[in-house]
Amino acid sequence: MPHVPQDLRVVGLLALMAGGMSAARAEFTPTLTVRHERTYGKFRQGPLPRPDSVTFDPRRSELYVATPQNHQVVILNQNLAPLFRFEHQVRDGRGNAMPGEPGSALADDRGQILITDRLSALIDVTDFRGRPLRSIDVAPWIDAESPVHPGRMDRDSAGKLYVVEETTQTVLVLSPEGKLLRQVGADGPPPEGIRMLVDVAVGADGAICLLDGTAEPAIRVFDSDGKYLSGFGEHADKPEGLHMPAGVSVDSAGRIWAADTVAHEVKAFTRDGTVLAIVGGMGTADGRFYFPSDVACGADGALYVTERGGDRIQAFRVETVQEAQAGAAP
C-alpha cells in the first residue's frame, strides 16, 4: 500500500474523535451479522508486528500475511494457527541480498508464493518455504518515466494475477505464466480519476474492484475485460462513506468488503454501494480495530482483518441476520 500522508491520518482521526462516525452508525440497520471468532497477535508485542496485507488461498485454506517491519511473510491456517514464516530478501543496487519490506503475498495453483516488496520493482516467486525461484519484471510493460512499483495483488479462479502498479495507478492483469494481458483503470471513471490506488480484488464472476484511498468513488468496479461498470464510496461521515480505505476483498456471494484505516472499521457493500454491515470501531479489544490495513474473505463466511496499529489479525464469521437468528433459536 502507498504510504498514507501523516497529515491526512491526523485530520481523519480528529474528525472521528469529534463523533461523526458514531452518528453515522446510529442511522444504519445491518443486514449481516459479523461475529468475532479468534485473534492472532497482540498490540505492541507478539509475532505479527504492523501487518500490511493478507490474502486467503482457498485451495489450501491458508492465509499469507505480509509484515514489512520485520521483513517477513507469515503463513497461517484458516483458524489463525501459525504454519511457517520466512524473511523475504531483495537485491540492492550492487546485487547484494538485503532484507526486504514485503507488501503483498499470495499463493498460485502450484503452491508457489508471489511477493511484491516496497524495496523492489519485481514480483518475486518463491517455493512454499520462501526459497527464491524467479522474478517477474513488469517494467517493460509500463510507459512511465519513474521506476515501477508493484503493490497489492489478487488472483482469479482461472489463475490470472491482478497487480496494483503504483507508479501508473493501474492494475496489471497477468496470465498464469506471468505475461501481460491488459491494464485496468488507466483513465479512471468520472467524477475523478484514480489518485491513490491501494488495492484490487476479483470476484467469482471476474468483476474487478479497484480501491482508491483518496479520490471518489473510492470503490470502482470493472468487468473482466476492464470496462467500467459502477463506483461508490464517498469520503464522508455516513454509513456508506469511506474515510481512508486501505484494503478490499470480495466474498463468494459477491459482497465487497473494505477496511477503512482511519475510521477503524470494516464495511460490507453490494455492488451498487448499499452498505450491509459495519464492523469494529477504534480499540484493541476483540472485535474492534486499531488502524486496519487489509481484509480477506475466506471459506464458509470467514472474514479476516489485519491491523497495522493493532499488530494482529482477527477472524470473524459472517451470516445474514436471518441465519444468525435461526441459529440462536432454541
Protein backbone atom coordinates (compact mmCIF):
# COMPACT_ATOMS: atom_id res chain seq x y z
CA MET A 1 0.00 0.00 0.00
CA PRO A 2 1.30 3.51 -0.76
CA HIS A 3 2.34 5.37 2.36
CA VAL A 4 -0.54 7.48 3.68
CA PRO A 5 0.40 11.13 4.33
CA GLN A 6 0.58 11.77 8.06
CA ASP A 7 -1.47 14.97 7.85
CA LEU A 8 -4.38 13.07 6.30
CA ARG A 9 -4.26 10.49 9.10
CA VAL A 10 -4.36 13.23 11.73
CA VAL A 11 -7.22 15.15 10.08
CA GLY A 12 -9.27 11.98 9.67
CA LEU A 13 -8.64 10.85 13.24
CA LEU A 14 -9.62 14.22 14.70
CA ALA A 15 -12.84 14.20 12.69
CA LEU A 16 -13.76 10.77 14.00
CA MET A 17 -12.94 11.71 17.58
CA ALA A 18 -15.43 14.56 17.20
CA GLY A 19 -18.16 11.96 16.91
CA GLY A 20 -19.04 11.93 13.21
CA MET A 21 -18.88 8.20 12.74
CA SER A 22 -20.96 7.35 15.81
CA ALA A 23 -23.78 9.47 14.39
CA ALA A 24 -23.48 7.77 11.01
CA ARG A 25 -23.62 4.30 12.53
CA ALA A 26 -26.68 5.24 14.55
CA GLU A 27 -28.57 5.71 11.27
CA PHE A 28 -27.70 2.25 9.98
CA THR A 29 -29.52 -1.09 10.29
CA PRO A 30 -27.31 -4.05 9.28
CA THR A 31 -28.47 -6.99 7.18
CA LEU A 32 -25.38 -9.05 8.03
CA THR A 33 -24.02 -10.11 11.41
CA VAL A 34 -20.25 -10.36 11.88
CA ARG A 35 -19.14 -12.39 14.89
CA HIS A 36 -15.58 -12.38 16.24
CA GLU A 37 -14.06 -15.88 16.48
CA ARG A 38 -10.35 -15.61 17.24
CA THR A 39 -7.26 -13.39 17.20
CA TYR A 40 -3.59 -13.96 16.40
CA GLY A 41 -1.10 -11.34 17.59
CA LYS A 42 -1.15 -8.72 20.32
CA PHE A 43 -0.94 -4.93 20.47
CA ARG A 44 2.67 -3.72 20.52
CA GLN A 45 4.05 -7.19 21.14
CA GLY A 46 3.95 -10.70 19.79
CA PRO A 47 4.54 -12.34 16.44
CA LEU A 48 2.79 -10.03 13.94
CA PRO A 49 4.26 -6.52 14.03
CA ARG A 50 2.39 -3.99 11.85
CA PRO A 51 0.94 -6.40 9.26
CA ASP A 52 0.37 -4.68 5.94
CA SER A 53 -1.78 -7.11 3.94
CA VAL A 54 -3.48 -10.50 3.95
CA THR A 55 -4.64 -12.89 1.23
CA PHE A 56 -6.57 -16.16 1.51
CA ASP A 57 -5.72 -19.23 -0.57
CA PRO A 58 -8.93 -21.28 -0.95
CA ARG A 59 -7.06 -24.28 -2.35
CA ARG A 60 -5.04 -24.81 0.81
CA SER A 61 -7.18 -22.83 3.27
CA GLU A 62 -4.14 -20.74 4.19
CA LEU A 63 -3.54 -17.07 4.88
CA TYR A 64 -0.50 -15.12 3.70
CA VAL A 65 0.31 -12.05 5.79
CA ALA A 66 2.98 -9.54 4.74
CA THR A 67 4.80 -7.85 7.65
CA PRO A 68 7.27 -5.35 6.15
CA GLN A 69 8.52 -4.11 9.52
CA ASN A 70 10.19 -7.45 10.27
CA HIS A 71 10.78 -8.32 6.59
CA GLN A 72 8.63 -11.45 6.73
CA VAL A 73 5.80 -13.34 5.10
CA VAL A 74 3.75 -15.24 7.70
CA ILE A 75 1.61 -18.24 6.72
CA LEU A 76 -1.38 -19.18 8.91
CA ASN A 77 -4.11 -21.75 8.57
CA GLN A 78 -7.75 -20.65 8.38
CA ASN A 79 -8.00 -20.87 12.18
CA LEU A 80 -5.06 -18.46 12.56
CA ALA A 81 -2.64 -21.14 13.73
CA PRO A 82 0.89 -20.29 12.51
CA LEU A 83 2.32 -22.71 9.94
CA PHE A 84 5.52 -21.09 8.70
CA ARG A 85 7.27 -17.75 8.28
CA PHE A 86 10.25 -16.63 6.26
CA GLU A 87 12.25 -13.49 5.61
CA HIS A 88 11.88 -12.01 2.15
CA GLN A 89 15.10 -10.64 0.66
CA VAL A 90 15.66 -8.27 -2.24
CA ARG A 91 18.76 -7.14 -4.15
CA ASP A 92 20.39 -3.75 -3.66
CA GLY A 93 21.96 -1.71 -6.45
CA ARG A 94 25.10 -3.85 -6.33
CA GLY A 95 23.22 -7.14 -6.48
CA ASN A 96 23.70 -7.99 -2.82
CA ALA A 97 20.91 -9.59 -0.84
CA MET A 98 19.27 -7.45 1.85
CA PRO A 99 16.12 -7.73 3.99
CA GLY A 100 13.06 -6.61 2.09
CA GLU A 101 9.78 -4.99 3.09
CA PRO A 102 7.13 -7.32 1.63
CA GLY A 103 3.84 -5.57 0.94
CA SER A 104 1.75 -8.39 -0.52
CA ALA A 105 2.00 -12.16 -0.83
CA LEU A 106 -0.24 -14.86 -2.29
CA ALA A 107 -0.04 -18.45 -3.49
CA ASP A 108 -0.58 -19.74 -7.01
CA ASP A 109 -2.06 -23.08 -8.08
CA ARG A 110 1.32 -24.82 -7.80
CA GLY A 111 1.90 -23.69 -4.23
CA GLN A 112 4.48 -21.11 -5.25
CA ILE A 113 4.34 -17.78 -3.43
CA LEU A 114 4.29 -14.46 -5.29
CA ILE A 115 5.60 -11.45 -3.36
CA THR A 116 5.75 -7.73 -4.02
CA ASP A 117 8.11 -5.63 -1.93
CA ARG A 118 8.37 -1.92 -1.18
CA LEU A 119 12.10 -2.06 -1.94
CA SER A 120 11.84 -3.87 -5.28
CA ALA A 121 10.41 -3.28 -8.76
CA LEU A 122 9.99 -7.04 -9.29
CA ILE A 123 7.39 -9.62 -8.39
CA ASP A 124 9.35 -12.41 -6.75
CA VAL A 125 8.29 -16.04 -6.99
CA THR A 126 9.40 -18.44 -4.25
CA ASP A 127 8.68 -22.03 -3.31
CA PHE A 128 6.40 -22.85 -0.39
CA ARG A 129 9.27 -22.22 2.04
CA GLY A 130 10.25 -18.84 0.63
CA ARG A 131 13.25 -20.04 -1.37
CA PRO A 132 13.67 -17.86 -4.50
CA LEU A 133 12.70 -19.39 -7.85
CA ARG A 134 12.43 -16.50 -10.30
CA SER A 135 11.17 -12.92 -10.65
CA ILE A 136 8.66 -11.20 -12.92
CA ASP A 137 9.80 -7.83 -14.29
CA VAL A 138 6.79 -5.65 -15.14
CA ALA A 139 8.86 -2.60 -16.17
CA PRO A 140 8.92 -3.42 -19.94
CA TRP A 141 5.12 -3.19 -19.99
CA ILE A 142 4.87 0.19 -18.26
CA ASP A 143 5.05 3.52 -20.06
CA ALA A 144 6.35 5.61 -17.18
CA GLU A 145 9.38 7.78 -16.52
CA SER A 146 9.55 6.86 -12.84
CA PRO A 147 10.53 3.39 -11.59
CA VAL A 148 7.66 0.92 -11.44
CA HIS A 149 6.34 -0.24 -8.09
CA PRO A 150 4.15 -3.36 -7.94
CA GLY A 151 1.85 -3.34 -4.91
CA ARG A 152 -1.15 -5.35 -3.70
CA MET A 153 -2.22 -8.45 -5.63
CA ASP A 154 -5.14 -10.82 -6.13
CA ARG A 155 -5.88 -13.89 -8.28
CA ASP A 156 -8.99 -15.13 -10.03
CA SER A 157 -10.28 -18.70 -10.33
CA ALA A 158 -8.50 -19.13 -13.66
CA GLY A 159 -5.13 -18.28 -12.12
CA LYS A 160 -4.73 -14.81 -13.62
CA LEU A 161 -2.80 -12.37 -11.44
CA TYR A 162 -4.00 -8.81 -10.76
CA VAL A 163 -1.28 -6.42 -9.59
CA VAL A 164 -1.60 -2.82 -8.45
CA GLU A 165 1.10 -0.79 -10.22
CA GLU A 166 1.50 2.28 -8.08
CA THR A 167 3.51 4.44 -10.49
CA THR A 168 0.87 4.42 -13.25
CA GLN A 169 -2.06 3.92 -10.85
CA THR A 170 -3.34 0.97 -12.86
CA VAL A 171 -3.90 -2.76 -12.34
CA LEU A 172 -1.85 -5.14 -14.46
CA VAL A 173 -3.63 -8.36 -15.41
CA LEU A 174 -1.11 -11.17 -15.95
CA SER A 175 -1.58 -14.69 -17.29
CA PRO A 176 -0.70 -17.65 -15.02
CA GLU A 177 2.62 -17.71 -16.93
CA GLY A 178 3.33 -14.08 -15.99
CA LYS A 179 2.54 -12.41 -19.33
CA LEU A 180 0.68 -9.10 -19.55
CA LEU A 181 -2.92 -9.47 -20.75
CA ARG A 182 -4.30 -5.98 -20.12
CA GLN A 183 -4.26 -2.91 -17.88
CA VAL A 184 -7.33 -1.78 -15.95
CA GLY A 185 -8.23 1.68 -14.69
CA ALA A 186 -5.76 3.73 -16.73
CA ASP A 187 -8.11 6.69 -17.26
CA GLY A 188 -10.47 6.29 -14.32
CA PRO A 189 -14.20 6.98 -14.41
CA PRO A 190 -15.79 10.32 -13.51
CA PRO A 191 -16.01 12.36 -11.35
CA GLU A 192 -12.33 11.87 -10.54
CA GLY A 193 -9.53 9.82 -11.99
CA ILE A 194 -7.67 7.37 -9.78
CA ARG A 195 -5.43 9.23 -7.35
CA MET A 196 -4.12 6.71 -4.82
CA LEU A 197 -4.75 3.14 -5.97
CA VAL A 198 -4.18 0.94 -2.93
CA ASP A 199 -5.76 -2.46 -3.61
CA VAL A 200 -7.53 -4.75 -6.06
CA ALA A 201 -9.94 -7.65 -5.57
CA VAL A 202 -11.55 -10.01 -8.08
CA GLY A 203 -14.99 -11.56 -7.69
CA ALA A 204 -16.07 -15.07 -8.65
CA ASP A 205 -17.69 -13.67 -11.82
CA GLY A 206 -14.46 -11.95 -12.88
CA ALA A 207 -15.52 -8.44 -11.85
CA ILE A 208 -12.53 -6.34 -10.78
CA CYS A 209 -12.77 -3.97 -7.79
CA LEU A 210 -10.24 -1.14 -7.51
CA LEU A 211 -9.82 0.72 -4.24
CA ASP A 212 -8.74 4.37 -4.18
CA GLY A 213 -7.56 5.78 -0.86
CA THR A 214 -8.36 9.45 -1.52
CA ALA A 215 -10.40 10.01 -4.71
CA GLU A 216 -14.11 9.38 -5.27
CA PRO A 217 -15.66 6.97 -5.89
CA ALA A 218 -13.43 5.03 -3.51
CA ILE A 219 -14.50 1.65 -4.94
CA ARG A 220 -14.68 1.22 -8.71
CA VAL A 221 -15.96 -1.94 -10.36
CA PHE A 222 -14.87 -3.10 -13.82
CA ASP A 223 -15.87 -6.15 -15.80
CA SER A 224 -13.37 -8.88 -16.65
CA ASP A 225 -12.38 -7.03 -19.85
CA GLY A 226 -11.60 -3.83 -17.97
CA LYS A 227 -14.80 -1.91 -18.83
CA TYR A 228 -16.01 0.40 -16.07
CA LEU A 229 -19.34 -0.72 -14.55
CA SER A 230 -20.00 1.24 -11.38
CA GLY A 231 -18.49 3.11 -8.47
CA PHE A 232 -19.41 4.11 -4.94
CA GLY A 233 -17.95 5.32 -1.67
CA GLU A 234 -17.70 8.98 -0.72
CA HIS A 235 -15.13 10.19 1.75
CA ALA A 236 -17.86 11.25 4.16
CA ASP A 237 -19.30 10.63 7.65
CA LYS A 238 -22.22 8.40 6.73
CA PRO A 239 -22.82 4.65 6.72
CA GLU A 240 -21.80 4.21 3.09
CA GLY A 241 -18.82 6.54 3.42
CA LEU A 242 -15.15 5.54 3.45
CA HIS A 243 -12.68 7.93 5.04
CA MET A 244 -9.37 6.38 4.01
CA PRO A 245 -9.88 2.83 2.72
CA ALA A 246 -6.86 0.57 2.89
CA GLY A 247 -7.95 -2.89 1.71
CA VAL A 248 -10.69 -4.58 -0.31
CA SER A 249 -11.92 -8.15 -0.82
CA VAL A 250 -14.91 -9.85 -2.47
CA ASP A 251 -16.65 -12.81 -0.85
CA SER A 252 -18.28 -15.81 -2.55
CA ALA A 253 -21.67 -14.06 -2.52
CA GLY A 254 -20.27 -11.09 -4.44
CA ARG A 255 -20.29 -8.73 -1.45
CA ILE A 256 -17.48 -6.18 -1.37
CA TRP A 257 -15.63 -5.70 1.93
CA ALA A 258 -13.46 -2.65 2.59
CA ALA A 259 -11.17 -1.82 5.51
CA ASP A 260 -11.20 1.85 6.49
CA THR A 261 -7.96 2.56 8.30
CA VAL A 262 -8.84 5.99 9.73
CA ALA A 263 -12.40 5.05 10.75
CA HIS A 264 -11.09 1.81 12.35
CA GLU A 265 -13.90 -0.08 10.63
CA VAL A 266 -14.63 -2.71 8.02
CA LYS A 267 -17.75 -2.34 5.87
CA ALA A 268 -19.63 -4.67 3.53
CA PHE A 269 -21.36 -3.41 0.38
CA THR A 270 -23.42 -4.67 -2.50
CA ARG A 271 -22.01 -3.89 -5.92
CA ASP A 272 -24.29 -0.86 -6.20
CA GLY A 273 -22.92 0.59 -2.95
CA THR A 274 -25.63 -0.41 -0.48
CA VAL A 275 -23.96 -0.92 2.90
CA LEU A 276 -24.72 -4.27 4.56
CA ALA A 277 -22.56 -4.29 7.68
CA ILE A 278 -20.24 -2.05 9.69
CA VAL A 279 -17.74 -3.83 11.93
CA GLY A 280 -15.27 -2.56 14.51
CA GLY A 281 -14.63 0.88 15.91
CA MET A 282 -11.40 2.16 17.41
CA GLY A 283 -9.86 -0.07 20.07
CA THR A 284 -7.68 -3.09 20.80
CA ALA A 285 -10.33 -5.37 22.32
CA ASP A 286 -11.51 -8.35 20.27
CA GLY A 287 -13.92 -7.23 17.58
CA ARG A 288 -12.54 -3.68 17.44
CA PHE A 289 -9.77 -2.35 15.20
CA TYR A 290 -6.73 -0.13 15.52
CA PHE A 291 -5.80 1.13 12.05
CA PRO A 292 -6.96 -1.89 9.99
CA SER A 293 -4.73 -2.39 6.97
CA ASP A 294 -6.43 -5.09 4.92
CA VAL A 295 -9.32 -7.55 4.71
CA ALA A 296 -9.63 -11.01 3.15
CA CYS A 297 -12.66 -13.23 2.62
CA GLY A 298 -12.23 -16.91 3.38
CA ALA A 299 -14.37 -20.03 3.09
CA ASP A 300 -17.83 -20.56 4.60
CA GLY A 301 -18.37 -16.96 5.64
CA ALA A 302 -14.94 -16.40 7.18
CA LEU A 303 -13.58 -12.85 7.24
CA TYR A 304 -10.03 -11.84 8.18
CA VAL A 305 -8.78 -8.37 9.11
CA THR A 306 -5.18 -7.27 9.70
CA GLU A 307 -4.39 -4.21 11.84
CA ARG A 308 -1.27 -2.21 11.24
CA GLY A 309 -1.71 -0.39 14.53
CA GLY A 310 -3.00 -3.39 16.45
CA ASP A 311 -0.19 -5.80 15.44
CA ARG A 312 -2.61 -8.65 14.84
CA ILE A 313 -5.11 -10.42 12.60
CA GLN A 314 -8.68 -11.19 13.63
CA ALA A 315 -11.05 -13.84 12.25
CA PHE A 316 -14.81 -13.33 12.04
CA ARG A 317 -17.84 -15.32 10.90
CA VAL A 318 -20.34 -13.60 8.59
CA GLU A 319 -24.03 -14.54 8.48
CA THR A 320 -27.21 -12.85 7.39
CA VAL A 321 -29.36 -11.55 10.22
CA GLN A 322 -31.91 -14.28 9.42
CA GLU A 323 -29.26 -17.01 9.61
CA ALA A 324 -27.97 -15.69 12.92
CA GLN A 325 -31.48 -15.55 14.38
CA ALA A 326 -32.26 -19.08 13.19
CA GLY A 327 -29.04 -20.38 14.74
CA ALA A 328 -29.84 -18.73 18.06
CA ALA A 329 -33.38 -20.12 18.22
CA PRO A 330 -33.94 -22.86 20.84
